Amino acid sequence: MPDFKYIVIVDDHTMFRKGLISLINLFPNYKVLFDAANGKDFILQLSLKQLPDIVLLDINMPEMDGYETAEWLHKTHPDIKILALSTMDSESAIIKMIKSGAKGYVLKDADPDELKLAFDEVMSRGYFYNELITRKVLSSINLLTDTKNTTATFAKLTTREIEFLKYACTELSYKEIADKMNVSTRTAEGYRDILCEKLDLKTRIGLVLYAIKNNLVQL
């Protein structure tokens, strides 16, 4: 008898949810436990008798959106894996979902094979990263969990670099960060480039993960 992993879909578009249910139930060893229209609906339906392994979570929803739902789930049931599912591919949306507890991010127009891969990887590795969140970021997570690696230290960061790093964990644009730091936008972007080089990272998302690991920001 197959060992099923159970999925919950939280999305406010009924037809989209129903289509996903049919698709996911065709994946070997995966079954949809239930579906919900928003975060509040999800919490009301959630039963301690049978918790899902993965929650596929939309971002923009009425009453309780994906960010709020992810934060609640991360605090209440940290063992449940959260995969963000959205039409939004903006850097700030990805960062905010990661900070809220998501372990991966899938676009709604992704190929079904990518969704299946996301399930497999989030169950086996704990994270899923596609072209939105590069493999470089994935390797940085592995480095950051290795306390013997110099990447897990502050790598002689200056006070201003740490200040920039904290701002980078917000939804501020580089121009807005520059205004906060009283520098030019080019200088703010320069801090990003210097930090990426020092920490052997590639993207702002990688910097956010570094800051979270080193307790510069709190989830």
C-alpha atoms as a PDB file:
ATOM      1  CA  MET A   1       0.000   0.000   0.000  1.00  0.00           C
ATOM      2  CA  PRO A   2       1.568   3.346  -1.027  1.00  0.00           C
ATOM      3  CA  ASP A   3       2.689   5.812   1.627  1.00  0.00           C
ATOM      4  CA  PHE A   4       0.738   8.916   0.593  1.00  0.00           C
ATOM      5  CA  LYS A   5       1.829  12.480   1.273  1.00  0.00           C
ATOM      6  CA  TYR A   6      -1.145  14.751   1.852  1.00  0.00           C
ATOM      7  CA  ILE A   7      -1.603  18.143   0.208  1.00  0.00           C
ATOM      8  CA  VAL A   8      -3.921  21.027   1.068  1.00  0.00           C
ATOM      9  CA  ILE A   9      -4.695  23.711  -1.527  1.00  0.00           C
ATOM     10  CA  VAL A  10      -5.530  27.232  -0.302  1.00  0.00           C
ATOM     11  CA  ASP A  11      -6.653  29.534  -3.115  1.00  0.00           C
ATOM     12  CA  ASP A  12      -9.645  31.803  -3.606  1.00  0.00           C
ATOM     13  CA  HIS A  13     -10.303  30.721  -7.218  1.00  0.00           C
ATOM     14  CA  THR A  14     -12.663  27.731  -7.084  1.00  0.00           C
ATOM     15  CA  MET A  15     -12.135  26.469 -10.648  1.00  0.00           C
ATOM     16  CA  PHE A  16      -8.355  26.691 -10.257  1.00  0.00           C
ATOM     17  CA  ARG A  17      -8.502  24.725  -6.986  1.00  0.00           C
ATOM     18  CA  LYS A  18     -10.668  22.008  -8.490  1.00  0.00           C
ATOM     19  CA  GLY A  19      -8.337  21.671 -11.469  1.00  0.00           C
ATOM     20  CA  LEU A  20      -5.347  21.348  -9.146  1.00  0.00           C
ATOM     21  CA  ILE A  21      -7.105  18.678  -7.103  1.00  0.00           C
ATOM     22  CA  SER A  22      -7.610  16.539 -10.211  1.00  0.00           C
ATOM     23  CA  LEU A  23      -3.999  17.086 -11.269  1.00  0.00           C
ATOM     24  CA  ILE A  24      -2.384  16.379  -7.901  1.00  0.00           C
ATOM     25  CA  ASN A  25      -4.435  13.244  -7.307  1.00  0.00           C
ATOM     26  CA  LEU A  26      -2.835  11.854 -10.480  1.00  0.00           C
ATOM     27  CA  PHE A  27       0.667  12.253  -8.983  1.00  0.00           C
ATOM     28  CA  PRO A  28       2.006   8.970  -7.545  1.00  0.00           C
ATOM     29  CA  ASN A  29       1.970   8.925  -3.719  1.00  0.00           C
ATOM     30  CA  TYR A  30       0.245  12.308  -3.353  1.00  0.00           C
ATOM     31  CA  LYS A  31      -3.363  12.988  -2.374  1.00  0.00           C
ATOM     32  CA  VAL A  32      -5.299  16.195  -1.735  1.00  0.00           C
ATOM     33  CA  LEU A  33      -6.584  16.186   1.834  1.00  0.00           C
ATOM     34  CA  PHE A  34      -8.916  19.181   1.376  1.00  0.00           C
ATOM     35  CA  ASP A  35      -9.047  22.609  -0.237  1.00  0.00           C
ATOM     36  CA  ALA A  36      -9.844  26.055   1.169  1.00  0.00           C
ATOM     37  CA  ALA A  37     -10.769  29.468  -0.198  1.00  0.00           C
ATOM     38  CA  ASN A  38      -8.555  31.525   2.153  1.00  0.00           C
ATOM     39  CA  GLY A  39      -6.512  31.336   5.330  1.00  0.00           C
ATOM     40  CA  LYS A  40      -9.478  31.482   7.701  1.00  0.00           C
ATOM     41  CA  ASP A  41     -11.276  28.734   5.799  1.00  0.00           C
ATOM     42  CA  PHE A  42      -8.074  26.648   5.905  1.00  0.00           C
ATOM     43  CA  ILE A  43      -7.667  27.027   9.704  1.00  0.00           C
ATOM     44  CA  LEU A  44     -11.319  26.110  10.290  1.00  0.00           C
ATOM     45  CA  GLN A  45     -10.956  22.917   8.253  1.00  0.00           C
ATOM     46  CA  LEU A  46      -7.580  21.883   9.654  1.00  0.00           C
ATOM     47  CA  SER A  47      -7.834  18.818  11.882  1.00  0.00           C
ATOM     48  CA  LEU A  48      -5.158  17.571  14.267  1.00  0.00           C
ATOM     49  CA  LYS A  49      -6.274  14.019  13.446  1.00  0.00           C
ATOM     50  CA  GLN A  50      -4.799  14.308   9.953  1.00  0.00           C
ATOM     51  CA  LEU A  51      -2.404  17.156   9.218  1.00  0.00           C
ATOM     52  CA  PRO A  52      -1.171  17.741   5.663  1.00  0.00           C
ATOM     53  CA  ASP A  53       2.468  17.265   4.701  1.00  0.00           C
ATOM     54  CA  ILE A  54       2.398  20.228   2.304  1.00  0.00           C
ATOM     55  CA  VAL A  55       0.200  23.315   2.047  1.00  0.00           C
ATOM     56  CA  LEU A  56       0.035  24.870  -1.414  1.00  0.00           C
ATOM     57  CA  LEU A  57      -0.682  28.481  -0.569  1.00  0.00           C
ATOM     58  CA  ASP A  58      -1.849  31.344  -2.757  1.00  0.00           C
ATOM     59  CA  ILE A  59      -0.698  34.859  -1.796  1.00  0.00           C
ATOM     60  CA  ASN A  60      -3.544  37.203  -2.730  1.00  0.00           C
ATOM     61  CA  MET A  61      -6.714  36.061  -0.970  1.00  0.00           C
ATOM     62  CA  PRO A  62      -9.567  37.840   0.854  1.00  0.00           C
ATOM     63  CA  GLU A  63     -10.018  37.722   4.654  1.00  0.00           C
ATOM     64  CA  MET A  64      -6.609  36.109   5.370  1.00  0.00           C
ATOM     65  CA  ASP A  65      -3.911  36.236   2.715  1.00  0.00           C
ATOM     66  CA  GLY A  66      -0.955  33.952   2.061  1.00  0.00           C
ATOM     67  CA  TYR A  67       1.521  35.929   4.150  1.00  0.00           C
ATOM     68  CA  GLU A  68      -0.685  35.849   7.269  1.00  0.00           C
ATOM     69  CA  THR A  69      -1.562  32.195   6.731  1.00  0.00           C
ATOM     70  CA  ALA A  70       2.082  31.202   6.247  1.00  0.00           C
ATOM     71  CA  GLU A  71       3.110  33.028   9.427  1.00  0.00           C
ATOM     72  CA  TRP A  72       0.340  31.325  11.425  1.00  0.00           C
ATOM     73  CA  LEU A  73       1.209  27.910  10.003  1.00  0.00           C
ATOM     74  CA  HIS A  74       4.954  28.385  10.538  1.00  0.00           C
ATOM     75  CA  LYS A  75       4.366  29.195  14.226  1.00  0.00           C
ATOM     76  CA  THR A  76       1.592  26.678  14.903  1.00  0.00           C
ATOM     77  CA  HIS A  77       2.641  23.662  12.805  1.00  0.00           C
ATOM     78  CA  PRO A  78       6.294  24.200  11.810  1.00  0.00           C
ATOM     79  CA  ASP A  79       6.655  20.660  10.437  1.00  0.00           C
ATOM     80  CA  ILE A  80       4.128  21.319   7.660  1.00  0.00           C
ATOM     81  CA  LYS A  81       5.905  22.398   4.478  1.00  0.00           C
ATOM     82  CA  ILE A  82       4.580  25.554   2.805  1.00  0.00           C
ATOM     83  CA  LEU A  83       4.817  26.053  -0.943  1.00  0.00           C
ATOM     84  CA  ALA A  84       3.773  29.475  -2.201  1.00  0.00           C
ATOM     85  CA  LEU A  85       1.664  29.365  -5.347  1.00  0.00           C
ATOM     86  CA  SER A  86       1.151  32.648  -7.142  1.00  0.00           C
ATOM     87  CA  THR A  87       1.087  34.669 -10.339  1.00  0.00           C
ATOM     88  CA  MET A  88       3.456  37.123  -8.617  1.00  0.00           C
ATOM     89  CA  ASP A  89       7.130  36.722  -9.474  1.00  0.00           C
ATOM     90  CA  SER A  90       8.370  39.932  -7.840  1.00  0.00           C
ATOM     91  CA  GLU A  91      11.461  39.839  -5.651  1.00  0.00           C
ATOM     92  CA  SER A  92       9.627  41.443  -2.724  1.00  0.00           C
ATOM     93  CA  ALA A  93       6.788  38.881  -2.833  1.00  0.00           C
ATOM     94  CA  ILE A  94       9.249  35.968  -2.833  1.00  0.00           C
ATOM     95  CA  ILE A  95      11.255  37.487   0.035  1.00  0.00           C
ATOM     96  CA  LYS A  96       8.148  38.143   2.099  1.00  0.00           C
ATOM     97  CA  MET A  97       6.844  34.596   1.608  1.00  0.00           C
ATOM     98  CA  ILE A  98      10.217  33.093   2.588  1.00  0.00           C
ATOM     99  CA  LYS A  99      10.271  35.286   5.700  1.00  0.00           C
ATOM    100  CA  SER A 100       6.717  34.144   6.455  1.00  0.00           C
ATOM    101  CA  GLY A 101       7.792  30.494   6.380  1.00  0.00           C
ATOM    102  CA  ALA A 102       7.465  29.271   2.782  1.00  0.00           C
ATOM    103  CA  LYS A 103       9.933  26.594   1.700  1.00  0.00           C
ATOM    104  CA  GLY A 104       9.452  27.128  -2.018  1.00  0.00           C
ATOM    105  CA  TYR A 105       7.691  29.216  -4.638  1.00  0.00           C
ATOM    106  CA  VAL A 106       5.817  27.988  -7.718  1.00  0.00           C
ATOM    107  CA  LEU A 107       4.167  30.145 -10.362  1.00  0.00           C
ATOM    108  CA  LYS A 108       0.593  29.289 -11.326  1.00  0.00           C
ATOM    109  CA  ASP A 109       1.551  28.881 -14.968  1.00  0.00           C
ATOM    110  CA  ALA A 110       4.287  26.347 -14.130  1.00  0.00           C
ATOM    111  CA  ASP A 111       4.362  22.998 -15.893  1.00  0.00           C
ATOM    112  CA  PRO A 112       2.737  20.120 -13.918  1.00  0.00           C
ATOM    113  CA  ASP A 113       6.133  18.387 -13.856  1.00  0.00           C
ATOM    114  CA  GLU A 114       7.568  21.366 -11.982  1.00  0.00           C
ATOM    115  CA  LEU A 115       4.804  21.180  -9.385  1.00  0.00           C
ATOM    116  CA  LYS A 116       5.494  17.461  -8.887  1.00  0.00           C
ATOM    117  CA  LEU A 117       9.214  18.252  -8.585  1.00  0.00           C
ATOM    118  CA  ALA A 118       8.413  20.930  -5.993  1.00  0.00           C
ATOM    119  CA  PHE A 119       6.526  18.361  -3.891  1.00  0.00           C
ATOM    120  CA  ASP A 120       9.338  15.817  -4.177  1.00  0.00           C
ATOM    121  CA  GLU A 121      12.091  18.268  -3.296  1.00  0.00           C
ATOM    122  CA  VAL A 122      10.322  19.998  -0.427  1.00  0.00           C
ATOM    123  CA  MET A 123       9.703  16.570   1.128  1.00  0.00           C
ATOM    124  CA  SER A 124      13.215  15.219   0.547  1.00  0.00           C
ATOM    125  CA  ARG A 125      15.352  18.354   0.912  1.00  0.00           C
ATOM    126  CA  GLY A 126      13.125  20.675   2.888  1.00  0.00           C
ATOM    127  CA  TYR A 127      13.226  23.387   0.204  1.00  0.00           C
ATOM    128  CA  PHE A 128      12.329  23.849  -3.448  1.00  0.00           C
ATOM    129  CA  TYR A 129      14.017  26.399  -5.686  1.00  0.00           C
ATOM    130  CA  ASN A 130      13.462  26.936  -9.379  1.00  0.00           C
ATOM    131  CA  GLU A 131      14.694  29.726 -11.647  1.00  0.00           C
ATOM    132  CA  LEU A 132      12.948  32.266  -9.385  1.00  0.00           C
ATOM    133  CA  ILE A 133      15.154  31.324  -6.451  1.00  0.00           C
ATOM    134  CA  THR A 134      18.412  30.130  -7.896  1.00  0.00           C
ATOM    135  CA  ARG A 135      20.387  27.043  -7.031  1.00  0.00           C
ATOM    136  CA  LYS A 136      22.993  29.425  -5.673  1.00  0.00           C
ATOM    137  CA  VAL A 137      20.527  30.352  -2.931  1.00  0.00           C
ATOM    138  CA  LEU A 138      19.916  26.670  -2.211  1.00  0.00           C
ATOM    139  CA  SER A 139      23.647  26.091  -1.790  1.00  0.00           C
ATOM    140  CA  SER A 140      23.823  29.125   0.481  1.00  0.00           C
ATOM    141  CA  ILE A 141      21.237  27.531   2.771  1.00  0.00           C
ATOM    142  CA  ASN A 142      23.386  24.416   2.981  1.00  0.00           C
ATOM    143  CA  LEU A 143      26.418  26.573   3.786  1.00  0.00           C
ATOM    144  CA  LEU A 144      24.545  28.525   6.421  1.00  0.00           C
ATOM    145  CA  THR A 145      23.545  25.343   8.231  1.00  0.00           C
ATOM    146  CA  ASP A 146      27.215  24.363   8.442  1.00  0.00           C
ATOM    147  CA  THR A 147      28.579  26.237  11.457  1.00  0.00           C
ATOM    148  CA  LYS A 148      32.144  25.345  10.485  1.00  0.00           C
ATOM    149  CA  ASN A 149      31.837  27.293   7.258  1.00  0.00           C
ATOM    150  CA  THR A 150      32.924  30.936   7.232  1.00  0.00           C
ATOM    151  CA  THR A 151      29.690  31.877   5.467  1.00  0.00           C
ATOM    152  CA  ALA A 152      27.901  31.203   8.774  1.00  0.00           C
ATOM    153  CA  THR A 153      29.857  34.021  10.415  1.00  0.00           C
ATOM    154  CA  PHE A 154      29.427  37.729   9.827  1.00  0.00           C
ATOM    155  CA  ALA A 155      32.503  37.637   7.584  1.00  0.00           C
ATOM    156  CA  LYS A 156      33.817  40.960   8.890  1.00  0.00           C
ATOM    157  CA  LEU A 157      30.796  42.924   7.759  1.00  0.00           C
ATOM    158  CA  THR A 158      30.908  46.659   8.438  1.00  0.00           C
ATOM    159  CA  THR A 159      28.214  48.468  10.413  1.00  0.00           C
ATOM    160  CA  ARG A 160      26.863  50.051   7.222  1.00  0.00           C
ATOM    161  CA  GLU A 161      26.792  46.703   5.429  1.00  0.00           C
ATOM    162  CA  ILE A 162      24.796  45.202   8.291  1.00  0.00           C
ATOM    163  CA  GLU A 163      22.465  48.209   8.185  1.00  0.00           C
ATOM    164  CA  PHE A 164      21.926  47.662   4.455  1.00  0.00           C
ATOM    165  CA  LEU A 165      21.386  43.940   5.030  1.00  0.00           C
ATOM    166  CA  LYS A 166      18.567  44.652   7.480  1.00  0.00           C
ATOM    167  CA  TYR A 167      16.908  47.029   5.012  1.00  0.00           C
ATOM    168  CA  ALA A 168      17.308  44.422   2.265  1.00  0.00           C
ATOM    169  CA  CYS A 169      15.057  42.125   4.299  1.00  0.00           C
ATOM    170  CA  THR A 170      12.175  44.567   3.941  1.00  0.00           C
ATOM    171  CA  GLU A 171       9.999  45.325   0.913  1.00  0.00           C
ATOM    172  CA  LEU A 172      11.812  48.620   0.313  1.00  0.00           C
ATOM    173  CA  SER A 173      13.173  49.284  -3.162  1.00  0.00           C
ATOM    174  CA  TYR A 174      16.884  50.048  -3.541  1.00  0.00           C
ATOM    175  CA  LYS A 175      16.002  53.727  -3.980  1.00  0.00           C
ATOM    176  CA  GLU A 176      14.014  53.695  -0.729  1.00  0.00           C
ATOM    177  CA  ILE A 177      16.866  51.920   1.064  1.00  0.00           C
ATOM    178  CA  ALA A 178      19.254  54.561  -0.278  1.00  0.00           C
ATOM    179  CA  ASP A 179      17.015  57.312   1.105  1.00  0.00           C
ATOM    180  CA  LYS A 180      16.955  55.629   4.519  1.00  0.00           C
ATOM    181  CA  MET A 181      20.748  55.375   4.535  1.00  0.00           C
ATOM    182  CA  ASN A 182      21.255  58.888   3.084  1.00  0.00           C
ATOM    183  CA  VAL A 183      23.261  57.575   0.146  1.00  0.00           C
ATOM    184  CA  SER A 184      22.707  57.351  -3.608  1.00  0.00           C
ATOM    185  CA  THR A 185      20.852  54.444  -5.192  1.00  0.00           C
ATOM    186  CA  ARG A 186      24.095  53.380  -6.858  1.00  0.00           C
ATOM    187  CA  THR A 187      25.819  53.261  -3.460  1.00  0.00           C
ATOM    188  CA  ALA A 188      23.006  51.141  -1.999  1.00  0.00           C
ATOM    189  CA  GLU A 189      23.292  48.731  -4.919  1.00  0.00           C
ATOM    190  CA  GLY A 190      27.037  48.740  -4.297  1.00  0.00           C
ATOM    191  CA  TYR A 191      26.425  47.488  -0.748  1.00  0.00           C
ATOM    192  CA  ARG A 192      24.388  44.652  -2.229  1.00  0.00           C
ATOM    193  CA  ASP A 193      27.180  43.705  -4.633  1.00  0.00           C
ATOM    194  CA  ILE A 194      29.847  43.852  -1.903  1.00  0.00           C
ATOM    195  CA  LEU A 195      27.765  41.704   0.449  1.00  0.00           C
ATOM    196  CA  CYS A 196      27.052  39.142  -2.255  1.00  0.00           C
ATOM    197  CA  GLU A 197      30.770  38.902  -2.983  1.00  0.00           C
ATOM    198  CA  LYS A 198      31.765  38.660   0.699  1.00  0.00           C
ATOM    199  CA  LEU A 199      29.149  36.032   1.486  1.00  0.00           C
ATOM    200  CA  ASP A 200      29.412  34.122  -1.806  1.00  0.00           C
ATOM    201  CA  LEU A 201      25.766  34.782  -2.636  1.00  0.00           C
ATOM    202  CA  LYS A 202      24.068  35.864  -5.839  1.00  0.00           C
ATOM    203  CA  THR A 203      20.742  37.520  -5.092  1.00  0.00           C
ATOM    204  CA  ARG A 204      18.907  39.704  -2.585  1.00  0.00           C
ATOM    205  CA  ILE A 205      16.951  36.611  -1.605  1.00  0.00           C
ATOM    206  CA  GLY A 206      20.210  34.903  -0.648  1.00  0.00           C
ATOM    207  CA  LEU A 207      21.095  37.897   1.522  1.00  0.00           C
ATOM    208  CA  VAL A 208      17.708  37.668   3.252  1.00  0.00           C
ATOM    209  CA  LEU A 209      18.254  33.987   4.040  1.00  0.00           C
ATOM    210  CA  TYR A 210      21.698  34.818   5.415  1.00  0.00           C
ATOM    211  CA  ALA A 211      20.240  37.535   7.651  1.00  0.00           C
ATOM    212  CA  ILE A 212      17.512  35.196   8.952  1.00  0.00           C
ATOM    213  CA  LYS A 213      20.040  32.445   9.733  1.00  0.00           C
ATOM    214  CA  ASN A 214      22.247  34.870  11.641  1.00  0.00           C
ATOM    215  CA  ASN A 215      19.329  36.393  13.580  1.00  0.00           C
ATOM    216  CA  LEU A 216      19.692  39.863  12.055  1.00  0.00           C
ATOM    217  CA  VAL A 217      15.950  39.733  11.408  1.00  0.00           C
ATOM    218  CA  GLN A 218      13.231  37.714  13.100  1.00  0.00           C
ATOM    219  CA  LEU A 219      10.646  35.544  11.359  1.00  0.00           C
END
